[in-house]
Amino acid sequence: MTTYIMLLNWTDQGIRNVRDSPKRLDAAKAALSEMGGSFKAFYLTMGEYDLVAVAEAPDDAVAARFALAIGATGNVRSVTLKAFPEAAYREIISSLG
């Protein structure tokens, strides 16, 4: 599984209906699970982003489909980062020669 960091901001619609946000999170978790992925962590944050999620998906196509699906609801905008674990980081750096 590949890890993805999702940086999320509520849209005007999303913040107007913020009390429904936990239900939307549950729906997002279920949707990602149906696609073969899962949430590993989820945070309400202060600063540039409203929410941060750490998720796993089988591949980039699933991660992209999930990001598009949650964006299409109109409640959040996302920036998704593909994350490389430490072992992969060390392998990439050592391959530089």
C-alpha atoms as a PDB file:
ATOM      1  CA  MET A   1       0.000   0.000   0.000  1.00  0.00           C
ATOM      2  CA  THR A   2       1.116   3.521  -0.749  1.00  0.00           C
ATOM      3  CA  THR A   3       0.744   6.281   1.829  1.00  0.00           C
ATOM      4  CA  TYR A   4      -0.768   9.659   0.976  1.00  0.00           C
ATOM      5  CA  ILE A   5      -0.956  12.832   3.056  1.00  0.00           C
ATOM      6  CA  MET A   6      -4.116  14.810   2.323  1.00  0.00           C
ATOM      7  CA  LEU A   7      -4.229  18.491   3.244  1.00  0.00           C
ATOM      8  CA  LEU A   8      -7.840  19.653   3.279  1.00  0.00           C
ATOM      9  CA  ASN A   9      -9.694  22.939   3.530  1.00  0.00           C
ATOM     10  CA  TRP A  10     -13.421  23.336   3.957  1.00  0.00           C
ATOM     11  CA  THR A  11     -15.209  25.149   1.176  1.00  0.00           C
ATOM     12  CA  ASP A  12     -17.874  27.746   1.999  1.00  0.00           C
ATOM     13  CA  GLN A  13     -20.432  24.940   1.771  1.00  0.00           C
ATOM     14  CA  GLY A  14     -18.345  22.652   3.980  1.00  0.00           C
ATOM     15  CA  ILE A  15     -17.895  25.182   6.777  1.00  0.00           C
ATOM     16  CA  ARG A  16     -21.565  26.234   6.662  1.00  0.00           C
ATOM     17  CA  ASN A  17     -22.432  22.605   7.344  1.00  0.00           C
ATOM     18  CA  VAL A  18     -19.474  21.877   9.648  1.00  0.00           C
ATOM     19  CA  ARG A  19     -21.694  20.073  12.170  1.00  0.00           C
ATOM     20  CA  ASP A  20     -22.199  17.374   9.524  1.00  0.00           C
ATOM     21  CA  SER A  21     -18.444  16.968   9.067  1.00  0.00           C
ATOM     22  CA  PRO A  22     -18.100  13.832  11.258  1.00  0.00           C
ATOM     23  CA  LYS A  23     -20.768  12.104   9.146  1.00  0.00           C
ATOM     24  CA  ARG A  24     -18.933  13.161   5.983  1.00  0.00           C
ATOM     25  CA  LEU A  25     -15.693  11.763   7.414  1.00  0.00           C
ATOM     26  CA  ASP A  26     -17.411   8.437   8.109  1.00  0.00           C
ATOM     27  CA  ALA A  27     -18.713   8.392   4.527  1.00  0.00           C
ATOM     28  CA  ALA A  28     -15.226   9.194   3.182  1.00  0.00           C
ATOM     29  CA  LYS A  29     -13.699   6.391   5.239  1.00  0.00           C
ATOM     30  CA  ALA A  30     -16.290   3.965   3.888  1.00  0.00           C
ATOM     31  CA  ALA A  31     -15.711   5.128   0.302  1.00  0.00           C
ATOM     32  CA  LEU A  32     -11.942   4.722   0.572  1.00  0.00           C
ATOM     33  CA  SER A  33     -12.392   1.300   2.151  1.00  0.00           C
ATOM     34  CA  GLU A  34     -14.583   0.224  -0.784  1.00  0.00           C
ATOM     35  CA  MET A  35     -11.736   1.299  -3.084  1.00  0.00           C
ATOM     36  CA  GLY A  36      -9.298  -0.907  -1.166  1.00  0.00           C
ATOM     37  CA  GLY A  37      -7.700   1.803   0.977  1.00  0.00           C
ATOM     38  CA  SER A  38      -7.945   3.111   4.516  1.00  0.00           C
ATOM     39  CA  PHE A  39      -7.376   6.109   6.724  1.00  0.00           C
ATOM     40  CA  LYS A  40      -4.403   5.720   9.071  1.00  0.00           C
ATOM     41  CA  ALA A  41      -4.844   9.052  10.872  1.00  0.00           C
ATOM     42  CA  PHE A  42      -7.070  12.109  10.743  1.00  0.00           C
ATOM     43  CA  TYR A  43      -6.553  15.519  12.362  1.00  0.00           C
ATOM     44  CA  LEU A  44      -8.410  18.780  12.772  1.00  0.00           C
ATOM     45  CA  THR A  45      -5.666  21.375  12.411  1.00  0.00           C
ATOM     46  CA  MET A  46      -5.124  25.080  12.904  1.00  0.00           C
ATOM     47  CA  GLY A  47      -3.220  27.108  10.348  1.00  0.00           C
ATOM     48  CA  GLU A  48      -3.174  26.964   6.575  1.00  0.00           C
ATOM     49  CA  TYR A  49      -5.191  23.729   6.424  1.00  0.00           C
ATOM     50  CA  ASP A  50      -8.357  22.788   8.292  1.00  0.00           C
ATOM     51  CA  LEU A  51      -7.842  19.026   8.225  1.00  0.00           C
ATOM     52  CA  VAL A  52      -5.014  16.568   7.596  1.00  0.00           C
ATOM     53  CA  ALA A  53      -5.523  12.905   6.743  1.00  0.00           C
ATOM     54  CA  VAL A  54      -2.992  10.123   6.370  1.00  0.00           C
ATOM     55  CA  ALA A  55      -4.410   7.476   4.076  1.00  0.00           C
ATOM     56  CA  GLU A  56      -3.268   4.365   2.289  1.00  0.00           C
ATOM     57  CA  ALA A  57      -4.406   3.283  -1.153  1.00  0.00           C
ATOM     58  CA  PRO A  58      -3.385   0.425  -3.446  1.00  0.00           C
ATOM     59  CA  ASP A  59      -2.054   2.813  -6.106  1.00  0.00           C
ATOM     60  CA  ASP A  60      -2.038   6.381  -7.408  1.00  0.00           C
ATOM     61  CA  ALA A  61      -5.156   5.838  -9.523  1.00  0.00           C
ATOM     62  CA  VAL A  62      -7.199   4.868  -6.453  1.00  0.00           C
ATOM     63  CA  ALA A  63      -5.821   7.837  -4.505  1.00  0.00           C
ATOM     64  CA  ALA A  64      -6.715  10.177  -7.372  1.00  0.00           C
ATOM     65  CA  ARG A  65     -10.205   8.698  -7.704  1.00  0.00           C
ATOM     66  CA  PHE A  66     -10.757   9.125  -3.967  1.00  0.00           C
ATOM     67  CA  ALA A  67      -9.508  12.743  -3.984  1.00  0.00           C
ATOM     68  CA  LEU A  68     -11.796  13.533  -6.919  1.00  0.00           C
ATOM     69  CA  ALA A  69     -14.757  11.843  -5.240  1.00  0.00           C
ATOM     70  CA  ILE A  70     -14.442  13.804  -2.004  1.00  0.00           C
ATOM     71  CA  GLY A  71     -13.812  17.027  -3.922  1.00  0.00           C
ATOM     72  CA  ALA A  72     -16.944  16.435  -5.982  1.00  0.00           C
ATOM     73  CA  THR A  73     -19.073  16.600  -2.831  1.00  0.00           C
ATOM     74  CA  GLY A  74     -18.287  20.320  -2.661  1.00  0.00           C
ATOM     75  CA  ASN A  75     -17.342  20.314   1.028  1.00  0.00           C
ATOM     76  CA  VAL A  76     -13.537  20.262   0.850  1.00  0.00           C
ATOM     77  CA  ARG A  77     -10.642  21.092  -1.418  1.00  0.00           C
ATOM     78  CA  SER A  78      -7.581  18.901  -1.129  1.00  0.00           C
ATOM     79  CA  VAL A  79      -3.880  18.785  -1.810  1.00  0.00           C
ATOM     80  CA  THR A  80      -2.639  15.203  -1.901  1.00  0.00           C
ATOM     81  CA  LEU A  81       0.986  14.264  -1.357  1.00  0.00           C
ATOM     82  CA  LYS A  82       2.446  10.845  -2.097  1.00  0.00           C
ATOM     83  CA  ALA A  83       4.541   9.865   0.921  1.00  0.00           C
ATOM     84  CA  PHE A  84       7.628   7.663   0.838  1.00  0.00           C
ATOM     85  CA  PRO A  85       8.426   5.811   4.085  1.00  0.00           C
ATOM     86  CA  GLU A  86      11.885   6.087   5.594  1.00  0.00           C
ATOM     87  CA  ALA A  87      13.137   2.845   4.035  1.00  0.00           C
ATOM     88  CA  ALA A  88      12.162   4.035   0.550  1.00  0.00           C
ATOM     89  CA  TYR A  89      13.664   7.456   1.265  1.00  0.00           C
ATOM     90  CA  ARG A  90      16.988   5.851   2.216  1.00  0.00           C
ATOM     91  CA  GLU A  91      16.913   3.623  -0.873  1.00  0.00           C
ATOM     92  CA  ILE A  92      16.196   6.587  -3.173  1.00  0.00           C
ATOM     93  CA  ILE A  93      18.953   8.692  -1.658  1.00  0.00           C
ATOM     94  CA  SER A  94      21.494   5.831  -1.719  1.00  0.00           C
ATOM     95  CA  SER A  95      20.734   5.237  -5.396  1.00  0.00           C
ATOM     96  CA  LEU A  96      22.085   8.698  -6.203  1.00  0.00           C
ATOM     97  CA  GLY A  97      25.585   7.274  -6.042  1.00  0.00           C
END
